[in-house]
Amino acid sequence: MRRSLPLLLLFILTAPALAQVAIHEILYDGVGTDPDDVFTELTGPARLRLDGWSLEAVNGGTGEVYRSIPLDDVEIPADGVLLIATSSATGVVLEQRDLIASVDWQNGPDAVRLVDPDGQIADALQYGDAAEHNAGEGMPAATTAAGQSLSRDDLGTDTGDNAADFTISTPTPGAAIVPLPPGATLSLPDTLGRPGQLLDLPLLVSGWQNG
């Protein structure tokens, strides 16, 4: 079951928005048997179908694509976070998993790219410096130790530079916060409450088109 977000965190959603679909977090090297822990997390508009989209892995030694995962018939969940993990997932990764796929990527230096239906690279993460075979954005991100992930910040900041945008993190599968698209607004009802009272308030999102 998905974890709910604290209400106050929703107010930061008016920050600059993510690209339509983006790579948010990747754990490619698990502790012990990799497939138990590894995952790839994408963010995007809720209920967007990913027909024609794919993930592909690029070998840092050759520059060649060694695996391609089609995302046809896959839909971004209602919370805007798509958590992809292997069939061997356990623990929190299993609880949060939305899609089973072979996201047990090679250790670095390698890259994972998100390809849109037109064959264009919508997003890419290079981890470790593969020199002439770098296939990410800007400077490569660091490589991680087993059990660590590479993740954007809570706002999904995307400056087009992997080294700046992705940091080594404690894995948080399924917990990304998804900013609103440009032009979207949040509105809250007029509500009265006592000091210290915890209120559940409905939120209305308006002013944008999904798809």
Protein backbone atom coordinates (compact mmCIF):
# COMPACT_ATOMS: atom_id res chain seq x y z
CA MET A 1 0.00 0.00 0.00
CA ARG A 2 1.25 3.48 -0.85
CA ARG A 3 2.36 5.77 1.94
CA SER A 4 0.42 9.01 2.32
CA LEU A 5 2.34 12.30 2.17
CA PRO A 6 2.23 14.84 5.01
CA LEU A 7 -0.09 17.68 4.02
CA LEU A 8 2.55 20.39 4.43
CA LEU A 9 4.74 18.75 1.81
CA LEU A 10 2.04 19.33 -0.79
CA PHE A 11 2.66 23.07 -0.70
CA ILE A 12 6.08 22.62 -2.31
CA LEU A 13 4.46 21.20 -5.42
CA THR A 14 4.30 24.64 -6.99
CA ALA A 15 8.08 24.52 -7.54
CA PRO A 16 9.40 24.10 -11.11
CA ALA A 17 7.84 20.97 -12.59
CA LEU A 18 9.41 17.77 -13.75
CA ALA A 19 9.67 16.76 -17.35
CA GLN A 20 6.61 14.82 -18.46
CA VAL A 21 8.22 11.52 -17.51
CA ALA A 22 11.58 11.29 -15.74
CA ILE A 23 13.94 8.94 -13.96
CA HIS A 24 13.75 9.80 -10.27
CA GLU A 25 15.71 7.10 -8.43
CA ILE A 26 17.71 3.99 -9.31
CA LEU A 27 19.26 1.29 -7.17
CA TYR A 28 21.36 -0.91 -9.44
CA ASP A 29 23.59 -2.72 -6.93
CA GLY A 30 21.81 -4.54 -4.13
CA VAL A 31 23.20 -6.03 -0.97
CA GLY A 32 23.93 -9.69 -1.61
CA THR A 33 21.69 -10.91 -4.42
CA ASP A 34 20.96 -7.78 -6.49
CA PRO A 35 17.42 -8.65 -7.75
CA ASP A 36 16.05 -8.62 -4.18
CA ASP A 37 16.78 -4.89 -3.79
CA VAL A 38 17.19 -3.24 -7.18
CA PHE A 39 14.57 -0.89 -8.59
CA THR A 40 14.06 1.92 -11.07
CA GLU A 41 11.61 4.69 -10.19
CA LEU A 42 9.96 6.93 -12.78
CA THR A 43 7.75 9.95 -12.14
CA GLY A 44 5.16 11.49 -14.43
CA PRO A 45 1.53 12.54 -14.82
CA ALA A 46 -0.91 10.22 -13.07
CA ARG A 47 -2.62 7.68 -15.36
CA LEU A 48 -0.40 8.52 -18.33
CA ARG A 49 -0.05 5.44 -20.54
CA LEU A 50 3.50 4.70 -21.60
CA ASP A 51 2.76 2.99 -24.91
CA GLY A 52 5.86 3.33 -27.09
CA TRP A 53 8.11 4.30 -24.19
CA SER A 54 11.03 2.12 -23.11
CA LEU A 55 13.98 1.89 -20.76
CA GLU A 56 17.35 0.93 -22.15
CA ALA A 57 20.70 0.18 -20.57
CA VAL A 58 23.97 1.29 -22.15
CA ASN A 59 27.23 -0.55 -21.53
CA GLY A 60 29.92 1.93 -20.46
CA GLY A 61 32.68 -0.13 -22.01
CA THR A 62 31.23 -0.37 -25.51
CA GLY A 63 28.52 2.30 -25.74
CA GLU A 64 26.07 -0.36 -26.91
CA VAL A 65 22.56 -0.97 -25.59
CA TYR A 66 22.62 -4.29 -23.75
CA ARG A 67 18.97 -4.37 -22.61
CA SER A 68 15.73 -2.70 -23.64
CA ILE A 69 12.51 -2.86 -21.60
CA PRO A 70 9.33 -1.81 -23.43
CA LEU A 71 6.73 0.01 -21.34
CA ASP A 72 3.73 -0.65 -23.59
CA ASP A 73 0.44 -1.09 -21.69
CA VAL A 74 2.03 0.41 -18.56
CA GLU A 75 0.32 3.31 -16.80
CA ILE A 76 1.76 5.81 -14.32
CA PRO A 77 -0.08 5.15 -11.01
CA ALA A 78 -2.38 7.67 -9.38
CA ASP A 79 0.40 9.00 -7.14
CA GLY A 80 2.60 9.82 -10.15
CA VAL A 81 5.32 7.33 -9.18
CA LEU A 82 6.04 4.14 -11.14
CA LEU A 83 8.22 1.72 -9.19
CA ILE A 84 9.77 -1.00 -11.36
CA ALA A 85 11.45 -3.95 -9.67
CA THR A 86 12.34 -7.54 -10.45
CA SER A 87 10.24 -10.63 -9.78
CA SER A 88 12.61 -11.40 -6.88
CA ALA A 89 11.89 -8.15 -5.01
CA THR A 90 11.50 -8.32 -1.24
CA GLY A 91 10.66 -5.99 1.64
CA VAL A 92 9.70 -2.38 0.90
CA VAL A 93 10.63 -2.75 -2.77
CA LEU A 94 8.10 -5.57 -3.11
CA GLU A 95 5.44 -3.61 -1.21
CA GLN A 96 5.87 -0.57 -3.46
CA ARG A 97 6.43 -2.39 -6.77
CA ASP A 98 4.07 -1.40 -9.60
CA LEU A 99 5.73 -3.30 -12.46
CA ILE A 100 7.92 -6.39 -12.75
CA ALA A 101 10.81 -6.04 -15.19
CA SER A 102 14.50 -6.87 -15.48
CA VAL A 103 15.89 -3.67 -13.96
CA ASP A 104 18.93 -5.43 -12.53
CA TRP A 105 21.27 -3.07 -14.39
CA GLN A 106 25.03 -3.65 -14.57
CA ASN A 107 27.29 -1.90 -12.10
CA GLY A 108 28.93 1.28 -13.39
CA PRO A 109 30.16 2.95 -15.35
CA ASP A 110 26.93 2.40 -17.31
CA ALA A 111 23.81 4.36 -18.14
CA VAL A 112 20.03 3.96 -18.07
CA ARG A 113 18.00 5.91 -20.62
CA LEU A 114 14.29 6.63 -20.91
CA VAL A 115 13.17 6.66 -24.54
CA ASP A 116 9.91 8.27 -25.69
CA PRO A 117 7.58 6.98 -28.44
CA ASP A 118 9.42 9.08 -31.05
CA GLY A 119 12.71 7.38 -30.22
CA GLN A 120 14.06 10.48 -28.47
CA ILE A 121 15.96 10.30 -25.18
CA ALA A 122 13.54 11.84 -22.67
CA ASP A 123 15.88 11.33 -19.71
CA ALA A 124 19.14 9.53 -18.99
CA LEU A 125 21.31 8.72 -15.99
CA GLN A 126 25.01 7.96 -16.41
CA TYR A 127 26.58 6.52 -13.26
CA GLY A 128 30.34 6.40 -13.29
CA ASP A 129 32.50 8.04 -15.95
CA ALA A 130 32.56 5.99 -19.16
CA ALA A 131 34.48 8.69 -21.05
CA GLU A 132 33.60 8.53 -24.75
CA HIS A 133 30.73 6.14 -24.00
CA ASN A 134 28.94 8.35 -21.49
CA ALA A 135 25.23 8.23 -22.34
CA GLY A 136 23.67 10.43 -19.67
CA GLU A 137 23.10 14.17 -19.27
CA GLY A 138 25.97 16.51 -18.49
CA MET A 139 28.59 15.12 -16.13
CA PRO A 140 28.09 11.56 -14.84
CA ALA A 141 26.74 10.83 -11.39
CA ALA A 142 28.85 8.90 -8.93
CA THR A 143 28.80 5.14 -8.63
CA THR A 144 27.30 3.72 -5.46
CA ALA A 145 28.14 1.11 -2.87
CA ALA A 146 25.88 -1.93 -2.57
CA GLY A 147 22.49 -0.98 -1.12
CA GLN A 148 22.71 2.72 -1.99
CA SER A 149 20.65 4.47 -4.63
CA LEU A 150 21.08 7.47 -6.91
CA SER A 151 18.18 9.86 -6.49
CA ARG A 152 16.99 13.33 -7.44
CA ASP A 153 15.89 15.59 -4.61
CA ASP A 154 12.28 15.72 -3.37
CA LEU A 155 11.36 18.27 -6.03
CA GLY A 156 12.79 16.13 -8.83
CA THR A 157 15.22 18.90 -9.81
CA ASP A 158 16.44 18.44 -13.37
CA THR A 159 19.21 20.77 -14.52
CA GLY A 160 20.35 18.47 -17.31
CA ASP A 161 23.46 17.44 -15.37
CA ASN A 162 23.54 14.01 -13.71
CA ALA A 163 26.32 14.94 -11.30
CA ALA A 164 24.28 17.85 -9.95
CA ASP A 165 20.84 16.23 -10.05
CA PHE A 166 21.54 12.75 -8.62
CA THR A 167 23.10 12.11 -5.23
CA ILE A 168 23.95 8.92 -3.40
CA SER A 169 21.06 8.23 -1.04
CA THR A 170 19.43 5.79 1.32
CA PRO A 171 16.85 4.11 -0.95
CA THR A 172 13.28 5.44 -0.77
CA PRO A 173 11.33 3.28 -3.25
CA GLY A 174 7.87 4.65 -4.03
CA ALA A 175 8.27 7.79 -1.92
CA ALA A 176 8.95 10.46 -4.57
CA ILE A 177 7.05 13.75 -4.39
CA VAL A 178 5.72 14.71 -7.80
CA PRO A 179 5.52 18.46 -8.58
CA LEU A 180 2.56 19.75 -10.56
CA PRO A 181 2.90 20.46 -14.29
CA PRO A 182 3.26 24.08 -15.47
CA GLY A 183 -0.01 26.01 -15.16
CA ALA A 184 -1.51 23.71 -12.54
CA THR A 185 -2.83 25.15 -9.28
CA LEU A 186 -3.85 23.73 -5.92
CA SER A 187 -6.86 25.00 -4.04
CA LEU A 188 -7.99 24.28 -0.48
CA PRO A 189 -11.44 24.80 1.05
CA ASP A 190 -11.99 27.46 3.73
CA THR A 191 -11.49 25.59 6.97
CA LEU A 192 -11.51 26.48 10.65
CA GLY A 193 -9.65 24.51 13.29
CA ARG A 194 -8.22 24.69 16.77
CA PRO A 195 -4.49 25.25 17.39
CA GLY A 196 -2.67 21.95 17.19
CA GLN A 197 -5.62 20.20 15.53
CA LEU A 198 -4.75 17.84 12.66
CA LEU A 199 -7.13 18.30 9.73
CA ASP A 200 -7.78 16.19 6.63
CA LEU A 201 -8.43 18.61 3.75
CA PRO A 202 -9.43 17.78 0.18
CA LEU A 203 -7.22 19.28 -2.54
CA LEU A 204 -8.40 20.35 -5.98
CA VAL A 205 -5.87 20.34 -8.84
CA SER A 206 -6.88 22.44 -11.84
CA GLY A 207 -5.53 24.28 -14.86
CA TRP A 208 -3.71 21.50 -16.71
CA GLN A 209 -4.32 18.71 -19.14
CA ASN A 210 -3.18 15.10 -18.54
CA GLY A 211 -1.99 13.73 -21.89
